[in-house]
Amino acid sequence: QVQLVESGGGLVQSGGSLRLSCVASGRIFSINAMGWYRQFPGKQRELVARITNDGVTNTADSVKGRFTISRDNAKNTMYLQMNSLKPEDTAVYYCNAGRSYVNVGDYWGQGTQVTVSS
């Protein structure tokens, strides 16, 4: 099993920045990729950005140029730097991890709320 714990969410004004963190523990040797997903009320979770163990990233067009995913393998931690936040970025953000390099992983964090006020 892999445990994921997110932190860093909160309330920010439009144009502001936040940095989310996700710390992985447990069977981390089984993780080949991690990612951030978000969920709007009444909607399915959608990919924000993913990163493999080799550092290959994939970022959704809706956040490209504003959000940056990174990871510190020594700390078993993944980050999402979110700049130029917009009210439409308001959502619950989830950390995800798994063995697959391309598909959504099996493990999820508990989610962290990001609210952007106009």
N, C-alpha and C. Protein backbone atom coordinates (compact mmCIF):
# COMPACT_ATOMS: atom_id res chain seq x y z
N GLN A 1 0.83 -1.20 0.00
CA GLN A 1 0.00 0.00 0.00
C GLN A 1 0.87 1.25 0.00
N VAL A 2 0.30 2.29 -0.56
CA VAL A 2 0.96 3.59 -0.59
C VAL A 2 0.02 4.60 0.07
N GLN A 3 0.57 5.41 0.92
CA GLN A 3 -0.21 6.47 1.55
C GLN A 3 0.25 7.81 0.98
N LEU A 4 -0.73 8.67 0.70
CA LEU A 4 -0.46 9.99 0.14
C LEU A 4 -1.12 11.04 1.01
N VAL A 5 -0.36 12.05 1.37
CA VAL A 5 -0.90 13.12 2.21
C VAL A 5 -0.62 14.46 1.54
N GLU A 6 -1.71 15.16 1.20
CA GLU A 6 -1.58 16.48 0.57
C GLU A 6 -1.59 17.59 1.60
N SER A 7 -1.03 18.70 1.23
CA SER A 7 -1.09 19.91 2.05
C SER A 7 -0.89 21.11 1.13
N GLY A 8 -1.24 22.28 1.65
CA GLY A 8 -0.96 23.51 0.92
C GLY A 8 -2.15 24.20 0.32
N GLY A 9 -3.32 23.58 0.39
CA GLY A 9 -4.50 24.24 -0.14
C GLY A 9 -4.93 25.41 0.72
N GLY A 10 -5.92 26.16 0.22
CA GLY A 10 -6.41 27.29 0.99
C GLY A 10 -7.15 28.27 0.13
N LEU A 11 -7.33 29.46 0.67
CA LEU A 11 -8.05 30.54 0.00
C LEU A 11 -7.04 31.57 -0.48
N VAL A 12 -7.17 31.96 -1.73
CA VAL A 12 -6.26 32.94 -2.31
C VAL A 12 -7.04 33.83 -3.27
N GLN A 13 -6.59 35.03 -3.44
CA GLN A 13 -7.24 35.94 -4.38
C GLN A 13 -6.82 35.63 -5.81
N SER A 14 -7.66 36.01 -6.73
CA SER A 14 -7.35 35.83 -8.14
C SER A 14 -6.01 36.49 -8.48
N GLY A 15 -5.20 35.76 -9.22
CA GLY A 15 -3.85 36.23 -9.55
C GLY A 15 -2.79 35.79 -8.58
N GLY A 16 -3.21 35.21 -7.47
CA GLY A 16 -2.27 34.77 -6.45
C GLY A 16 -1.67 33.41 -6.74
N SER A 17 -0.89 32.93 -5.78
CA SER A 17 -0.17 31.67 -5.94
C SER A 17 -0.36 30.77 -4.71
N LEU A 18 -0.27 29.49 -4.96
CA LEU A 18 -0.26 28.48 -3.91
C LEU A 18 0.67 27.37 -4.34
N ARG A 19 1.24 26.66 -3.37
CA ARG A 19 2.02 25.47 -3.68
C ARG A 19 1.46 24.30 -2.89
N LEU A 20 1.05 23.28 -3.63
CA LEU A 20 0.57 22.05 -3.01
C LEU A 20 1.72 21.06 -2.88
N SER A 21 1.66 20.29 -1.81
CA SER A 21 2.65 19.23 -1.58
C SER A 21 1.93 17.91 -1.37
N CYS A 22 2.60 16.84 -1.76
CA CYS A 22 2.07 15.50 -1.54
C CYS A 22 3.22 14.61 -1.11
N VAL A 23 3.12 14.08 0.08
CA VAL A 23 4.16 13.20 0.61
C VAL A 23 3.69 11.75 0.51
N ALA A 24 4.52 10.93 -0.08
CA ALA A 24 4.20 9.51 -0.24
C ALA A 24 4.96 8.69 0.79
N SER A 25 4.29 7.64 1.28
CA SER A 25 4.93 6.71 2.20
C SER A 25 4.40 5.31 1.94
N GLY A 26 5.05 4.33 2.54
CA GLY A 26 4.65 2.94 2.32
C GLY A 26 5.48 2.32 1.22
N ARG A 27 4.83 1.60 0.31
CA ARG A 27 5.52 0.86 -0.75
C ARG A 27 5.86 1.80 -1.91
N ILE A 28 6.65 2.79 -1.62
CA ILE A 28 6.93 3.82 -2.62
C ILE A 28 7.78 3.29 -3.76
N PHE A 29 8.45 2.16 -3.56
CA PHE A 29 9.25 1.59 -4.64
C PHE A 29 8.38 1.14 -5.80
N SER A 30 7.08 0.99 -5.54
CA SER A 30 6.16 0.54 -6.59
C SER A 30 5.63 1.70 -7.44
N ILE A 31 5.96 2.92 -7.06
CA ILE A 31 5.44 4.10 -7.77
C ILE A 31 6.34 4.45 -8.95
N ASN A 32 5.75 4.54 -10.12
CA ASN A 32 6.47 4.99 -11.31
C ASN A 32 6.05 6.38 -11.77
N ALA A 33 4.88 6.80 -11.34
CA ALA A 33 4.39 8.12 -11.72
C ALA A 33 3.45 8.66 -10.65
N MET A 34 3.44 9.96 -10.54
CA MET A 34 2.53 10.65 -9.62
C MET A 34 1.85 11.78 -10.38
N GLY A 35 0.74 12.22 -9.83
CA GLY A 35 0.04 13.28 -10.52
C GLY A 35 -0.91 14.04 -9.62
N TRP A 36 -1.35 15.16 -10.13
CA TRP A 36 -2.37 15.98 -9.47
C TRP A 36 -3.63 15.96 -10.32
N TYR A 37 -4.75 15.72 -9.68
CA TYR A 37 -6.05 15.78 -10.31
C TYR A 37 -6.89 16.76 -9.52
N ARG A 38 -7.92 17.29 -10.16
CA ARG A 38 -8.86 18.17 -9.45
C ARG A 38 -10.28 17.79 -9.79
N GLN A 39 -11.14 18.14 -8.88
CA GLN A 39 -12.55 17.80 -9.04
C GLN A 39 -13.41 19.00 -8.72
N PHE A 40 -14.24 19.39 -9.69
CA PHE A 40 -15.21 20.46 -9.50
C PHE A 40 -16.50 19.83 -8.99
N PRO A 41 -17.32 20.58 -8.29
CA PRO A 41 -18.58 20.03 -7.78
C PRO A 41 -19.43 19.41 -8.89
N GLY A 42 -19.83 18.18 -8.68
CA GLY A 42 -20.68 17.50 -9.64
C GLY A 42 -19.97 16.99 -10.88
N LYS A 43 -18.65 17.09 -10.90
CA LYS A 43 -17.89 16.66 -12.06
C LYS A 43 -16.93 15.54 -11.69
N GLN A 44 -16.43 14.84 -12.70
CA GLN A 44 -15.41 13.83 -12.47
C GLN A 44 -14.05 14.49 -12.28
N ARG A 45 -13.17 13.75 -11.66
CA ARG A 45 -11.81 14.26 -11.48
C ARG A 45 -11.14 14.38 -12.84
N GLU A 46 -10.35 15.43 -12.97
CA GLU A 46 -9.63 15.65 -14.22
C GLU A 46 -8.15 15.84 -13.94
N LEU A 47 -7.36 15.42 -14.91
CA LEU A 47 -5.93 15.54 -14.76
C LEU A 47 -5.49 17.00 -14.79
N VAL A 48 -4.63 17.34 -13.87
CA VAL A 48 -3.98 18.65 -13.87
C VAL A 48 -2.56 18.51 -14.43
N ALA A 49 -1.79 17.60 -13.82
CA ALA A 49 -0.42 17.37 -14.28
C ALA A 49 0.08 16.05 -13.70
N ARG A 50 0.98 15.40 -14.44
CA ARG A 50 1.58 14.15 -13.99
C ARG A 50 3.08 14.23 -14.19
N ILE A 51 3.80 13.43 -13.42
CA ILE A 51 5.25 13.38 -13.55
C ILE A 51 5.72 11.97 -13.26
N THR A 52 6.62 11.48 -14.10
CA THR A 52 7.16 10.13 -13.91
C THR A 52 8.42 10.18 -13.04
N ASN A 53 8.89 9.00 -12.68
CA ASN A 53 10.12 8.92 -11.91
C ASN A 53 11.30 9.53 -12.66
N ASP A 54 11.21 9.49 -13.98
CA ASP A 54 12.29 10.05 -14.81
C ASP A 54 12.15 11.55 -15.03
N GLY A 55 11.09 12.12 -14.46
CA GLY A 55 10.90 13.56 -14.59
C GLY A 55 10.12 14.00 -15.81
N VAL A 56 9.57 13.06 -16.54
CA VAL A 56 8.75 13.41 -17.70
C VAL A 56 7.40 13.93 -17.21
N THR A 57 7.00 15.07 -17.69
CA THR A 57 5.77 15.70 -17.22
C THR A 57 4.71 15.79 -18.31
N ASN A 58 3.49 15.88 -17.85
CA ASN A 58 2.35 16.07 -18.74
C ASN A 58 1.41 17.03 -18.03
N THR A 59 1.09 18.15 -18.66
CA THR A 59 0.29 19.20 -18.02
C THR A 59 -0.93 19.51 -18.86
N ALA A 60 -2.08 19.65 -18.21
CA ALA A 60 -3.31 19.97 -18.91
C ALA A 60 -3.21 21.35 -19.56
N ASP A 61 -3.83 21.48 -20.72
CA ASP A 61 -3.77 22.75 -21.45
C ASP A 61 -4.36 23.90 -20.63
N SER A 62 -5.34 23.58 -19.81
CA SER A 62 -6.03 24.63 -19.05
C SER A 62 -5.13 25.30 -18.01
N VAL A 63 -4.04 24.64 -17.63
CA VAL A 63 -3.16 25.20 -16.61
C VAL A 63 -1.74 25.40 -17.12
N LYS A 64 -1.49 25.01 -18.34
CA LYS A 64 -0.13 25.10 -18.88
C LYS A 64 0.33 26.56 -18.87
N GLY A 65 1.56 26.74 -18.42
CA GLY A 65 2.10 28.09 -18.32
C GLY A 65 1.81 28.75 -16.98
N ARG A 66 0.90 28.19 -16.21
CA ARG A 66 0.57 28.74 -14.89
C ARG A 66 0.94 27.77 -13.77
N PHE A 67 0.76 26.48 -14.00
CA PHE A 67 1.04 25.46 -12.98
C PHE A 67 2.28 24.68 -13.38
N THR A 68 3.08 24.33 -12.38
CA THR A 68 4.28 23.54 -12.61
C THR A 68 4.34 22.39 -11.62
N ILE A 69 4.49 21.19 -12.16
CA ILE A 69 4.62 20.01 -11.32
C ILE A 69 6.09 19.66 -11.16
N SER A 70 6.45 19.20 -9.98
CA SER A 70 7.83 18.77 -9.74
C SER A 70 7.82 17.73 -8.62
N ARG A 71 8.95 17.08 -8.43
CA ARG A 71 9.03 16.12 -7.35
C ARG A 71 10.45 16.07 -6.81
N ASP A 72 10.54 15.75 -5.53
CA ASP A 72 11.82 15.57 -4.86
C ASP A 72 11.85 14.11 -4.42
N ASN A 73 12.54 13.28 -5.19
CA ASN A 73 12.53 11.85 -4.91
C ASN A 73 13.17 11.54 -3.55
N ALA A 74 14.13 12.34 -3.15
CA ALA A 74 14.79 12.09 -1.87
C ALA A 74 13.83 12.30 -0.71
N LYS A 75 12.84 13.15 -0.91
CA LYS A 75 11.85 13.43 0.14
C LYS A 75 10.52 12.74 -0.11
N ASN A 76 10.47 11.95 -1.18
CA ASN A 76 9.21 11.26 -1.55
C ASN A 76 8.06 12.26 -1.63
N THR A 77 8.32 13.41 -2.18
CA THR A 77 7.34 14.48 -2.20
C THR A 77 7.17 15.03 -3.61
N MET A 78 5.92 15.29 -3.95
CA MET A 78 5.57 15.91 -5.22
C MET A 78 4.95 17.27 -4.93
N TYR A 79 5.18 18.22 -5.82
CA TYR A 79 4.67 19.57 -5.64
C TYR A 79 3.85 20.02 -6.84
N LEU A 80 2.99 20.97 -6.60
CA LEU A 80 2.29 21.66 -7.68
C LEU A 80 2.35 23.15 -7.35
N GLN A 81 3.17 23.86 -8.10
CA GLN A 81 3.24 25.30 -7.96
C GLN A 81 2.18 25.91 -8.85
N MET A 82 1.26 26.65 -8.25
CA MET A 82 0.14 27.22 -8.98
C MET A 82 0.25 28.74 -8.92
N ASN A 83 0.47 29.33 -10.08
CA ASN A 83 0.58 30.78 -10.20
C ASN A 83 -0.57 31.33 -11.03
N SER A 84 -0.77 32.62 -10.94
CA SER A 84 -1.83 33.29 -11.71
C SER A 84 -3.16 32.56 -11.57
N LEU A 85 -3.52 32.25 -10.36
CA LEU A 85 -4.73 31.47 -10.11
C LEU A 85 -5.96 32.26 -10.51
N LYS A 86 -6.95 31.52 -11.00
CA LYS A 86 -8.22 32.08 -11.45
C LYS A 86 -9.35 31.48 -10.63
N PRO A 87 -10.48 32.17 -10.54
CA PRO A 87 -11.63 31.59 -9.82
C PRO A 87 -12.03 30.22 -10.36
N GLU A 88 -11.85 30.00 -11.65
CA GLU A 88 -12.22 28.70 -12.23
C GLU A 88 -11.26 27.58 -11.86
N ASP A 89 -10.18 27.90 -11.16
CA ASP A 89 -9.30 26.86 -10.63
C ASP A 89 -9.80 26.33 -9.28
N THR A 90 -10.85 26.93 -8.76
CA THR A 90 -11.40 26.48 -7.49
C THR A 90 -11.90 25.05 -7.60
N ALA A 91 -11.36 24.18 -6.76
CA ALA A 91 -11.68 22.75 -6.82
C ALA A 91 -11.01 22.05 -5.65
N VAL A 92 -11.32 20.78 -5.50
CA VAL A 92 -10.57 19.93 -4.59
C VAL A 92 -9.46 19.27 -5.41
N TYR A 93 -8.24 19.40 -4.92
CA TYR A 93 -7.07 18.86 -5.63
C TYR A 93 -6.62 17.59 -4.93
N TYR A 94 -6.40 16.55 -5.74
CA TYR A 94 -6.02 15.25 -5.23
C TYR A 94 -4.65 14.83 -5.76
N CYS A 95 -3.90 14.23 -4.88
CA CYS A 95 -2.63 13.61 -5.26
C CYS A 95 -2.91 12.17 -5.68
N ASN A 96 -2.21 11.72 -6.70
CA ASN A 96 -2.40 10.36 -7.21
C ASN A 96 -1.04 9.72 -7.48
N ALA A 97 -0.96 8.42 -7.28
CA ALA A 97 0.30 7.72 -7.54
C ALA A 97 0.01 6.29 -7.95
N GLY A 98 0.94 5.71 -8.74
CA GLY A 98 0.75 4.34 -9.13
C GLY A 98 1.89 3.80 -9.96
N ARG A 99 1.70 2.57 -10.41
CA ARG A 99 2.75 1.88 -11.15
C ARG A 99 2.76 2.30 -12.62
N SER A 100 1.60 2.64 -13.16
CA SER A 100 1.50 2.95 -14.58
C SER A 100 2.17 4.28 -14.90
N TYR A 101 2.85 4.29 -16.06
CA TYR A 101 3.47 5.54 -16.52
C TYR A 101 2.47 6.44 -17.23
N VAL A 102 1.37 5.86 -17.69
CA VAL A 102 0.45 6.65 -18.52
C VAL A 102 -0.96 6.72 -17.98
N ASN A 103 -1.37 5.73 -17.21
CA ASN A 103 -2.75 5.71 -16.71
C ASN A 103 -2.81 6.20 -15.26
N VAL A 104 -3.98 6.56 -14.83
CA VAL A 104 -4.15 7.02 -13.46
C VAL A 104 -3.76 5.91 -12.50
N GLY A 105 -3.11 6.30 -11.41
CA GLY A 105 -2.63 5.32 -10.45
C GLY A 105 -3.72 4.82 -9.52
N ASP A 106 -3.37 3.85 -8.71
CA ASP A 106 -4.33 3.22 -7.82
C ASP A 106 -4.51 3.95 -6.50
N TYR A 107 -3.59 4.82 -6.18
CA TYR A 107 -3.58 5.43 -4.86
C TYR A 107 -3.94 6.91 -4.93
N TRP A 108 -4.75 7.32 -3.95
CA TRP A 108 -5.22 8.70 -3.88
C TRP A 108 -4.99 9.26 -2.49
N GLY A 109 -4.73 10.57 -2.46
CA GLY A 109 -4.72 11.27 -1.20
C GLY A 109 -6.13 11.68 -0.82
N GLN A 110 -6.24 12.38 0.30
CA GLN A 110 -7.56 12.74 0.81
C GLN A 110 -8.12 13.99 0.15
N GLY A 111 -7.29 14.71 -0.56
CA GLY A 111 -7.74 15.91 -1.24
C GLY A 111 -7.51 17.16 -0.41
N THR A 112 -7.28 18.26 -1.09
CA THR A 112 -7.11 19.55 -0.42
C THR A 112 -7.87 20.61 -1.22
N GLN A 113 -8.62 21.42 -0.52
CA GLN A 113 -9.46 22.43 -1.17
C GLN A 113 -8.63 23.64 -1.56
N VAL A 114 -8.81 24.06 -2.79
CA VAL A 114 -8.23 25.31 -3.28
C VAL A 114 -9.38 26.21 -3.70
N THR A 115 -9.44 27.38 -3.11
CA THR A 115 -10.49 28.33 -3.41
C THR A 115 -9.86 29.65 -3.86
N VAL A 116 -10.25 30.10 -5.04
CA VAL A 116 -9.72 31.34 -5.59
C VAL A 116 -10.86 32.35 -5.66
N SER A 117 -10.71 33.44 -4.95
CA SER A 117 -11.76 34.46 -4.93
C SER A 117 -11.48 35.51 -6.01
N SER A 118 -12.57 36.05 -6.52
CA SER A 118 -12.44 37.05 -7.59
C SER A 118 -12.28 38.46 -7.05
